[in-house]
Amino acid sequence: MIELLGLGKRYGWDRLREAIQESLALGCTDAAAVRHLVTANELVRSHTEPFELSGLERYDRPLPQMQEYDLLLSLTTTGAEVAR
């Protein structure tokens, strides 16, 4: 409660009231949630420039072939012993 009163003094009571109402509507009762909502418009958000995705093709890899693994699984389920 003391933290909320401090937020009210610093950012204004109307802004605090709106943040509390929004927090309760979201189901949050924590003072940290209210603090975040009060200060959210002051957060610095960096804007990234769009980039071309065509250069990512070099990272494409074929999917692994799992036939050998499936064969091992079928051996263990039929009771055959697998060499370790």
PDB file of N, CA and C in Angstrom:
ATOM      1  N   MET A   1       0.827  -1.188   0.000  1.00  0.00           N
ATOM      2  CA  MET A   1       0.000   0.000   0.000  1.00  0.00           C
ATOM      3  C   MET A   1       0.874   1.256   0.000  1.00  0.00           C
ATOM      4  N   ILE A   2       1.970   1.210   0.751  1.00  0.00           N
ATOM      5  CA  ILE A   2       2.861   2.376   0.816  1.00  0.00           C
ATOM      6  C   ILE A   2       3.461   2.654  -0.561  1.00  0.00           C
ATOM      7  N   GLU A   3       3.826   1.589  -1.275  1.00  0.00           N
ATOM      8  CA  GLU A   3       4.376   1.777  -2.623  1.00  0.00           C
ATOM      9  C   GLU A   3       3.344   2.423  -3.543  1.00  0.00           C
ATOM     10  N   LEU A   4       2.097   2.007  -3.425  1.00  0.00           N
ATOM     11  CA  LEU A   4       1.045   2.590  -4.259  1.00  0.00           C
ATOM     12  C   LEU A   4       0.831   4.063  -3.934  1.00  0.00           C
ATOM     13  N   LEU A   5       0.891   4.412  -2.668  1.00  0.00           N
ATOM     14  CA  LEU A   5       0.756   5.822  -2.297  1.00  0.00           C
ATOM     15  C   LEU A   5       1.897   6.650  -2.873  1.00  0.00           C
ATOM     16  N   GLY A   6       3.095   6.077  -2.854  1.00  0.00           N
ATOM     17  CA  GLY A   6       4.242   6.766  -3.455  1.00  0.00           C
ATOM     18  C   GLY A   6       4.060   6.950  -4.947  1.00  0.00           C
ATOM     19  N   LEU A   7       3.496   5.947  -5.616  1.00  0.00           N
ATOM     20  CA  LEU A   7       3.226   6.080  -7.049  1.00  0.00           C
ATOM     21  C   LEU A   7       2.196   7.172  -7.313  1.00  0.00           C
ATOM     22  N   GLY A   8       1.204   7.270  -6.427  1.00  0.00           N
ATOM     23  CA  GLY A   8       0.187   8.304  -6.578  1.00  0.00           C
ATOM     24  C   GLY A   8       0.783   9.696  -6.452  1.00  0.00           C
ATOM     25  N   LYS A   9       1.679   9.859  -5.498  1.00  0.00           N
ATOM     26  CA  LYS A   9       2.336  11.165  -5.327  1.00  0.00           C
ATOM     27  C   LYS A   9       3.188  11.516  -6.545  1.00  0.00           C
ATOM     28  N   ARG A  10       3.874  10.505  -7.066  1.00  0.00           N
ATOM     29  CA  ARG A  10       4.819  10.760  -8.158  1.00  0.00           C
ATOM     30  C   ARG A  10       4.136  10.937  -9.509  1.00  0.00           C
ATOM     31  N   TYR A  11       3.131  10.106  -9.817  1.00  0.00           N
ATOM     32  CA  TYR A  11       2.541  10.096 -11.155  1.00  0.00           C
ATOM     33  C   TYR A  11       1.135  10.678 -11.213  1.00  0.00           C
ATOM     34  N   GLY A  12       0.581  10.972 -10.080  1.00  0.00           N
ATOM     35  CA  GLY A  12      -0.766  11.532 -10.057  1.00  0.00           C
ATOM     36  C   GLY A  12      -1.792  10.484  -9.675  1.00  0.00           C
ATOM     37  N   TRP A  13      -2.818  10.946  -8.968  1.00  0.00           N
ATOM     38  CA  TRP A  13      -3.813  10.032  -8.408  1.00  0.00           C
ATOM     39  C   TRP A  13      -4.734   9.449  -9.481  1.00  0.00           C
ATOM     40  N   ASP A  14      -5.038  10.230 -10.505  1.00  0.00           N
ATOM     41  CA  ASP A  14      -5.892   9.710 -11.578  1.00  0.00           C
ATOM     42  C   ASP A  14      -5.184   8.579 -12.334  1.00  0.00           C
ATOM     43  N   ARG A  15      -3.919   8.788 -12.617  1.00  0.00           N
ATOM     44  CA  ARG A  15      -3.142   7.767 -13.318  1.00  0.00           C
ATOM     45  C   ARG A  15      -3.026   6.501 -12.463  1.00  0.00           C
ATOM     46  N   LEU A  16      -2.832   6.675 -11.157  1.00  0.00           N
ATOM     47  CA  LEU A  16      -2.759   5.534 -10.254  1.00  0.00           C
ATOM     48  C   LEU A  16      -4.094   4.802 -10.213  1.00  0.00           C
ATOM     49  N   ARG A  17      -5.179   5.532 -10.132  1.00  0.00           N
ATOM     50  CA  ARG A  17      -6.511   4.921 -10.076  1.00  0.00           C
ATOM     51  C   ARG A  17      -6.774   4.096 -11.334  1.00  0.00           C
ATOM     52  N   GLU A  18      -6.425   4.644 -12.487  1.00  0.00           N
ATOM     53  CA  GLU A  18      -6.607   3.909 -13.741  1.00  0.00           C
ATOM     54  C   GLU A  18      -5.764   2.641 -13.769  1.00  0.00           C
ATOM     55  N   ALA A  19      -4.535   2.739 -13.280  1.00  0.00           N
ATOM     56  CA  ALA A  19      -3.650   1.570 -13.263  1.00  0.00           C
ATOM     57  C   ALA A  19      -4.182   0.499 -12.313  1.00  0.00           C
ATOM     58  N   ILE A  20      -4.721   0.906 -11.181  1.00  0.00           N
ATOM     59  CA  ILE A  20      -5.285  -0.062 -10.234  1.00  0.00           C
ATOM     60  C   ILE A  20      -6.512  -0.732 -10.845  1.00  0.00           C
ATOM     61  N   GLN A  21      -7.360   0.043 -11.479  1.00  0.00           N
ATOM     62  CA  GLN A  21      -8.552  -0.533 -12.107  1.00  0.00           C
ATOM     63  C   GLN A  21      -8.166  -1.505 -13.220  1.00  0.00           C
ATOM     64  N   GLU A  22      -7.181  -1.139 -14.018  1.00  0.00           N
ATOM     65  CA  GLU A  22      -6.735  -2.015 -15.093  1.00  0.00           C
ATOM     66  C   GLU A  22      -6.102  -3.287 -14.520  1.00  0.00           C
ATOM     67  N   SER A  23      -5.320  -3.127 -13.473  1.00  0.00           N
ATOM     68  CA  SER A  23      -4.693  -4.277 -12.835  1.00  0.00           C
ATOM     69  C   SER A  23      -5.734  -5.243 -12.285  1.00  0.00           C
ATOM     70  N   LEU A  24      -6.742  -4.713 -11.637  1.00  0.00           N
ATOM     71  CA  LEU A  24      -7.800  -5.571 -11.095  1.00  0.00           C
ATOM     72  C   LEU A  24      -8.592  -6.246 -12.215  1.00  0.00           C
ATOM     73  N   ALA A  25      -8.817  -5.519 -13.309  1.00  0.00           N
ATOM     74  CA  ALA A  25      -9.525  -6.108 -14.449  1.00  0.00           C
ATOM     75  C   ALA A  25      -8.723  -7.255 -15.053  1.00  0.00           C
ATOM     76  N   LEU A  26      -7.396  -7.167 -14.984  1.00  0.00           N
ATOM     77  CA  LEU A  26      -6.530  -8.221 -15.495  1.00  0.00           C
ATOM     78  C   LEU A  26      -6.352  -9.362 -14.500  1.00  0.00           C
ATOM     79  N   GLY A  27      -6.847  -9.172 -13.282  1.00  0.00           N
ATOM     80  CA  GLY A  27      -6.722 -10.200 -12.254  1.00  0.00           C
ATOM     81  C   GLY A  27      -5.432 -10.119 -11.467  1.00  0.00           C
ATOM     82  N   CYS A  28      -4.742  -8.994 -11.544  1.00  0.00           N
ATOM     83  CA  CYS A  28      -3.480  -8.807 -10.820  1.00  0.00           C
ATOM     84  C   CYS A  28      -3.734  -7.970  -9.575  1.00  0.00           C
ATOM     85  N   THR A  29      -3.231  -8.433  -8.466  1.00  0.00           N
ATOM     86  CA  THR A  29      -3.386  -7.668  -7.227  1.00  0.00           C
ATOM     87  C   THR A  29      -2.036  -7.275  -6.638  1.00  0.00           C
ATOM     88  N   ASP A  30      -0.991  -7.449  -7.388  1.00  0.00           N
ATOM     89  CA  ASP A  30       0.356  -7.162  -6.917  1.00  0.00           C
ATOM     90  C   ASP A  30       0.721  -5.706  -7.188  1.00  0.00           C
ATOM     91  N   ALA A  31       1.443  -5.110  -6.263  1.00  0.00           N
ATOM     92  CA  ALA A  31       1.862  -3.714  -6.432  1.00  0.00           C
ATOM     93  C   ALA A  31       2.800  -3.569  -7.627  1.00  0.00           C
ATOM     94  N   ALA A  32       3.573  -4.600  -7.922  1.00  0.00           N
ATOM     95  CA  ALA A  32       4.486  -4.532  -9.064  1.00  0.00           C
ATOM     96  C   ALA A  32       3.713  -4.416 -10.376  1.00  0.00           C
ATOM     97  N   ALA A  33       2.565  -5.076 -10.458  1.00  0.00           N
ATOM     98  CA  ALA A  33       1.742  -4.974 -11.664  1.00  0.00           C
ATOM     99  C   ALA A  33       1.207  -3.558 -11.822  1.00  0.00           C
ATOM    100  N   VAL A  34       0.774  -2.967 -10.725  1.00  0.00           N
ATOM    101  CA  VAL A  34       0.274  -1.591 -10.769  1.00  0.00           C
ATOM    102  C   VAL A  34       1.405  -0.649 -11.152  1.00  0.00           C
ATOM    103  N   ARG A  35       2.590  -0.855 -10.576  1.00  0.00           N
ATOM    104  CA  ARG A  35       3.745  -0.015 -10.899  1.00  0.00           C
ATOM    105  C   ARG A  35       4.061  -0.113 -12.386  1.00  0.00           C
ATOM    106  N   HIS A  36       4.003  -1.322 -12.932  1.00  0.00           N
ATOM    107  CA  HIS A  36       4.271  -1.496 -14.363  1.00  0.00           C
ATOM    108  C   HIS A  36       3.253  -0.738 -15.203  1.00  0.00           C
ATOM    109  N   LEU A  37       1.984  -0.831 -14.837  1.00  0.00           N
ATOM    110  CA  LEU A  37       0.949  -0.148 -15.608  1.00  0.00           C
ATOM    111  C   LEU A  37       1.073   1.369 -15.502  1.00  0.00           C
ATOM    112  N   VAL A  38       1.479   1.856 -14.349  1.00  0.00           N
ATOM    113  CA  VAL A  38       1.647   3.307 -14.180  1.00  0.00           C
ATOM    114  C   VAL A  38       2.808   3.812 -15.022  1.00  0.00           C
ATOM    115  N   THR A  39       3.885   3.042 -15.070  1.00  0.00           N
ATOM    116  CA  THR A  39       5.097   3.507 -15.752  1.00  0.00           C
ATOM    117  C   THR A  39       5.249   2.962 -17.171  1.00  0.00           C
ATOM    118  N   ALA A  40       4.269   2.230 -17.683  1.00  0.00           N
ATOM    119  CA  ALA A  40       4.403   1.570 -18.989  1.00  0.00           C
ATOM    120  C   ALA A  40       4.664   2.555 -20.122  1.00  0.00           C
ATOM    121  N   ASN A  41       4.083   3.737 -20.061  1.00  0.00           N
ATOM    122  CA  ASN A  41       4.289   4.680 -21.168  1.00  0.00           C
ATOM    123  C   ASN A  41       5.682   5.302 -21.135  1.00  0.00           C
ATOM    124  N   GLU A  42       6.434   5.121 -20.055  1.00  0.00           N
ATOM    125  CA  GLU A  42       7.796   5.644 -19.969  1.00  0.00           C
ATOM    126  C   GLU A  42       8.839   4.628 -20.417  1.00  0.00           C
ATOM    127  N   LEU A  43       8.419   3.390 -20.638  1.00  0.00           N
ATOM    128  CA  LEU A  43       9.366   2.358 -21.043  1.00  0.00           C
ATOM    129  C   LEU A  43       9.929   2.668 -22.417  1.00  0.00           C
ATOM    130  N   VAL A  44      11.197   2.413 -22.576  1.00  0.00           N
ATOM    131  CA  VAL A  44      11.864   2.648 -23.851  1.00  0.00           C
ATOM    132  C   VAL A  44      11.753   1.384 -24.673  1.00  0.00           C
ATOM    133  N   ARG A  45      11.166   1.518 -25.820  1.00  0.00           N
ATOM    134  CA  ARG A  45      11.019   0.388 -26.733  1.00  0.00           C
ATOM    135  C   ARG A  45      11.850   0.661 -27.980  1.00  0.00           C
ATOM    136  N   SER A  46      12.767  -0.227 -28.239  1.00  0.00           N
ATOM    137  CA  SER A  46      13.595  -0.036 -29.427  1.00  0.00           C
ATOM    138  C   SER A  46      12.841  -0.524 -30.659  1.00  0.00           C
ATOM    139  N   HIS A  47      13.038   0.159 -31.740  1.00  0.00           N
ATOM    140  CA  HIS A  47      12.406  -0.205 -32.997  1.00  0.00           C
ATOM    141  C   HIS A  47      13.463  -0.856 -33.877  1.00  0.00           C
ATOM    142  N   THR A  48      13.174  -2.046 -34.312  1.00  0.00           N
ATOM    143  CA  THR A  48      14.114  -2.738 -35.174  1.00  0.00           C
ATOM    144  C   THR A  48      13.748  -2.498 -36.631  1.00  0.00           C
ATOM    145  N   GLU A  49      14.751  -2.452 -37.424  1.00  0.00           N
ATOM    146  CA  GLU A  49      14.559  -2.265 -38.854  1.00  0.00           C
ATOM    147  C   GLU A  49      14.229  -3.616 -39.474  1.00  0.00           C
ATOM    148  N   PRO A  50      13.323  -3.648 -40.434  1.00  0.00           N
ATOM    149  CA  PRO A  50      13.039  -4.920 -41.117  1.00  0.00           C
ATOM    150  C   PRO A  50      14.269  -5.386 -41.892  1.00  0.00           C
ATOM    151  N   PHE A  51      14.421  -6.687 -41.982  1.00  0.00           N
ATOM    152  CA  PHE A  51      15.545  -7.226 -42.733  1.00  0.00           C
ATOM    153  C   PHE A  51      15.052  -8.304 -43.689  1.00  0.00           C
ATOM    154  N   GLU A  52      15.856  -8.577 -44.662  1.00  0.00           N
ATOM    155  CA  GLU A  52      15.511  -9.529 -45.703  1.00  0.00           C
ATOM    156  C   GLU A  52      15.689 -10.953 -45.180  1.00  0.00           C
ATOM    157  N   LEU A  53      14.678 -11.779 -45.329  1.00  0.00           N
ATOM    158  CA  LEU A  53      14.735 -13.145 -44.836  1.00  0.00           C
ATOM    159  C   LEU A  53      15.369 -14.114 -45.825  1.00  0.00           C
ATOM    160  N   SER A  54      15.608 -13.683 -47.030  1.00  0.00           N
ATOM    161  CA  SER A  54      16.133 -14.604 -48.037  1.00  0.00           C
ATOM    162  C   SER A  54      17.511 -15.128 -47.663  1.00  0.00           C
ATOM    163  N   GLY A  55      18.250 -14.430 -46.853  1.00  0.00           N
ATOM    164  CA  GLY A  55      19.579 -14.883 -46.453  1.00  0.00           C
ATOM    165  C   GLY A  55      19.557 -16.028 -45.460  1.00  0.00           C
ATOM    166  N   LEU A  56      18.393 -16.358 -44.927  1.00  0.00           N
ATOM    167  CA  LEU A  56      18.304 -17.425 -43.931  1.00  0.00           C
ATOM    168  C   LEU A  56      18.257 -18.814 -44.543  1.00  0.00           C
ATOM    169  N   GLU A  57      18.127 -18.905 -45.852  1.00  0.00           N
ATOM    170  CA  GLU A  57      18.049 -20.211 -46.491  1.00  0.00           C
ATOM    171  C   GLU A  57      19.293 -21.047 -46.246  1.00  0.00           C
ATOM    172  N   ARG A  58      20.406 -20.409 -46.034  1.00  0.00           N
ATOM    173  CA  ARG A  58      21.644 -21.171 -45.821  1.00  0.00           C
ATOM    174  C   ARG A  58      21.606 -21.967 -44.517  1.00  0.00           C
ATOM    175  N   TYR A  59      20.657 -21.650 -43.635  1.00  0.00           N
ATOM    176  CA  TYR A  59      20.532 -22.376 -42.373  1.00  0.00           C
ATOM    177  C   TYR A  59      19.537 -23.532 -42.447  1.00  0.00           C
ATOM    178  N   ASP A  60      18.888 -23.714 -43.582  1.00  0.00           N
ATOM    179  CA  ASP A  60      17.958 -24.834 -43.738  1.00  0.00           C
ATOM    180  C   ASP A  60      18.718 -26.143 -43.650  1.00  0.00           C
ATOM    181  N   ARG A  61      18.182 -27.056 -42.887  1.00  0.00           N
ATOM    182  CA  ARG A  61      18.783 -28.375 -42.742  1.00  0.00           C
ATOM    183  C   ARG A  61      17.710 -29.431 -43.003  1.00  0.00           C
ATOM    184  N   PRO A  62      18.085 -30.557 -43.589  1.00  0.00           N
ATOM    185  CA  PRO A  62      17.099 -31.608 -43.803  1.00  0.00           C
ATOM    186  C   PRO A  62      16.667 -32.210 -42.467  1.00  0.00           C
ATOM    187  N   LEU A  63      15.449 -32.682 -42.432  1.00  0.00           N
ATOM    188  CA  LEU A  63      14.957 -33.334 -41.226  1.00  0.00           C
ATOM    189  C   LEU A  63      15.701 -34.656 -41.030  1.00  0.00           C
ATOM    190  N   PRO A  64      15.955 -35.058 -39.794  1.00  0.00           N
ATOM    191  CA  PRO A  64      16.669 -36.318 -39.564  1.00  0.00           C
ATOM    192  C   PRO A  64      15.823 -37.519 -39.993  1.00  0.00           C
ATOM    193  N   GLN A  65      16.499 -38.549 -40.429  1.00  0.00           N
ATOM    194  CA  GLN A  65      15.835 -39.800 -40.803  1.00  0.00           C
ATOM    195  C   GLN A  65      15.788 -40.683 -39.561  1.00  0.00           C
ATOM    196  N   MET A  66      14.609 -41.110 -39.177  1.00  0.00           N
ATOM    197  CA  MET A  66      14.438 -41.823 -37.917  1.00  0.00           C
ATOM    198  C   MET A  66      14.175 -43.315 -38.091  1.00  0.00           C
ATOM    199  N   GLN A  67      14.366 -43.863 -39.279  1.00  0.00           N
ATOM    200  CA  GLN A  67      14.062 -45.264 -39.505  1.00  0.00           C
ATOM    201  C   GLN A  67      14.900 -46.182 -38.609  1.00  0.00           C
ATOM    202  N   GLU A  68      16.201 -45.898 -38.477  1.00  0.00           N
ATOM    203  CA  GLU A  68      17.060 -46.737 -37.652  1.00  0.00           C
ATOM    204  C   GLU A  68      16.623 -46.688 -36.189  1.00  0.00           C
ATOM    205  N   TYR A  69      16.269 -45.525 -35.724  1.00  0.00           N
ATOM    206  CA  TYR A  69      15.794 -45.387 -34.347  1.00  0.00           C
ATOM    207  C   TYR A  69      14.488 -46.145 -34.158  1.00  0.00           C
ATOM    208  N   ASP A  70      13.587 -46.027 -35.119  1.00  0.00           N
ATOM    209  CA  ASP A  70      12.320 -46.752 -35.038  1.00  0.00           C
ATOM    210  C   ASP A  70      12.567 -48.258 -35.018  1.00  0.00           C
ATOM    211  N   LEU A  71      13.570 -48.717 -35.764  1.00  0.00           N
ATOM    212  CA  LEU A  71      13.915 -50.126 -35.766  1.00  0.00           C
ATOM    213  C   LEU A  71      14.376 -50.562 -34.379  1.00  0.00           C
ATOM    214  N   LEU A  72      15.205 -49.758 -33.734  1.00  0.00           N
ATOM    215  CA  LEU A  72      15.649 -50.078 -32.372  1.00  0.00           C
ATOM    216  C   LEU A  72      14.470 -50.132 -31.410  1.00  0.00           C
ATOM    217  N   LEU A  73      13.544 -49.206 -31.551  1.00  0.00           N
ATOM    218  CA  LEU A  73      12.370 -49.208 -30.673  1.00  0.00           C
ATOM    219  C   LEU A  73      11.544 -50.461 -30.878  1.00  0.00           C
ATOM    220  N   SER A  74      11.396 -50.890 -32.119  1.00  0.00           N
ATOM    221  CA  SER A  74      10.603 -52.090 -32.373  1.00  0.00           C
ATOM    222  C   SER A  74      11.303 -53.321 -31.822  1.00  0.00           C
ATOM    223  N   LEU A  75      12.633 -53.343 -31.828  1.00  0.00           N
ATOM    224  CA  LEU A  75      13.363 -54.470 -31.249  1.00  0.00           C
ATOM    225  C   LEU A  75      13.162 -54.561 -29.748  1.00  0.00           C
ATOM    226  N   THR A  76      13.166 -53.430 -29.060  1.00  0.00           N
ATOM    227  CA  THR A  76      13.014 -53.450 -27.610  1.00  0.00           C
ATOM    228  C   THR A  76      11.582 -53.763 -27.214  1.00  0.00           C
ATOM    229  N   THR A  77      10.609 -53.456 -28.037  1.00  0.00           N
ATOM    230  CA  THR A  77       9.221 -53.740 -27.670  1.00  0.00           C
ATOM    231  C   THR A  77       8.835 -55.181 -27.951  1.00  0.00           C
ATOM    232  N   THR A  78       9.591 -55.858 -28.831  1.00  0.00           N
ATOM    233  CA  THR A  78       9.288 -57.260 -29.115  1.00  0.00           C
ATOM    234  C   THR A  78      10.008 -58.194 -28.176  1.00  0.00           C
ATOM    235  N   GLY A  79      10.810 -57.664 -27.288  1.00  0.00           N
ATOM    236  CA  GLY A  79      11.520 -58.489 -26.320  1.00  0.00           C
ATOM    237  C   GLY A  79      12.909 -58.840 -26.744  1.00  0.00           C
ATOM    238  N   ALA A  80      13.331 -58.460 -27.914  1.00  0.00           N
ATOM    239  CA  ALA A  80      14.693 -58.731 -28.368  1.00  0.00           C
ATOM    240  C   ALA A  80      15.657 -57.863 -27.577  1.00  0.00           C
ATOM    241  N   GLU A  81      16.824 -58.405 -27.306  1.00  0.00           N
ATOM    242  CA  GLU A  81      17.803 -57.656 -26.539  1.00  0.00           C
ATOM    243  C   GLU A  81      18.678 -56.830 -27.470  1.00  0.00           C
ATOM    244  N   VAL A  82      18.918 -55.619 -27.088  1.00  0.00           N
ATOM    245  CA  VAL A  82      19.736 -54.712 -27.885  1.00  0.00           C
ATOM    246  C   VAL A  82      21.114 -54.694 -27.292  1.00  0.00           C
ATOM    247  N   ALA A  83      22.136 -54.850 -28.143  1.00  0.00           N
ATOM    248  CA  ALA A  83      23.528 -54.824 -27.677  1.00  0.00           C
ATOM    249  C   ALA A  83      23.849 -53.446 -27.159  1.00  0.00           C
ATOM    250  N   ARG A  84      24.547 -53.423 -26.052  1.00  0.00           N
ATOM    251  CA  ARG A  84      24.926 -52.137 -25.458  1.00  0.00           C
ATOM    252  C   ARG A  84      26.365 -51.837 -25.720  1.00  0.00           C
TER     253      ARG A  84
END
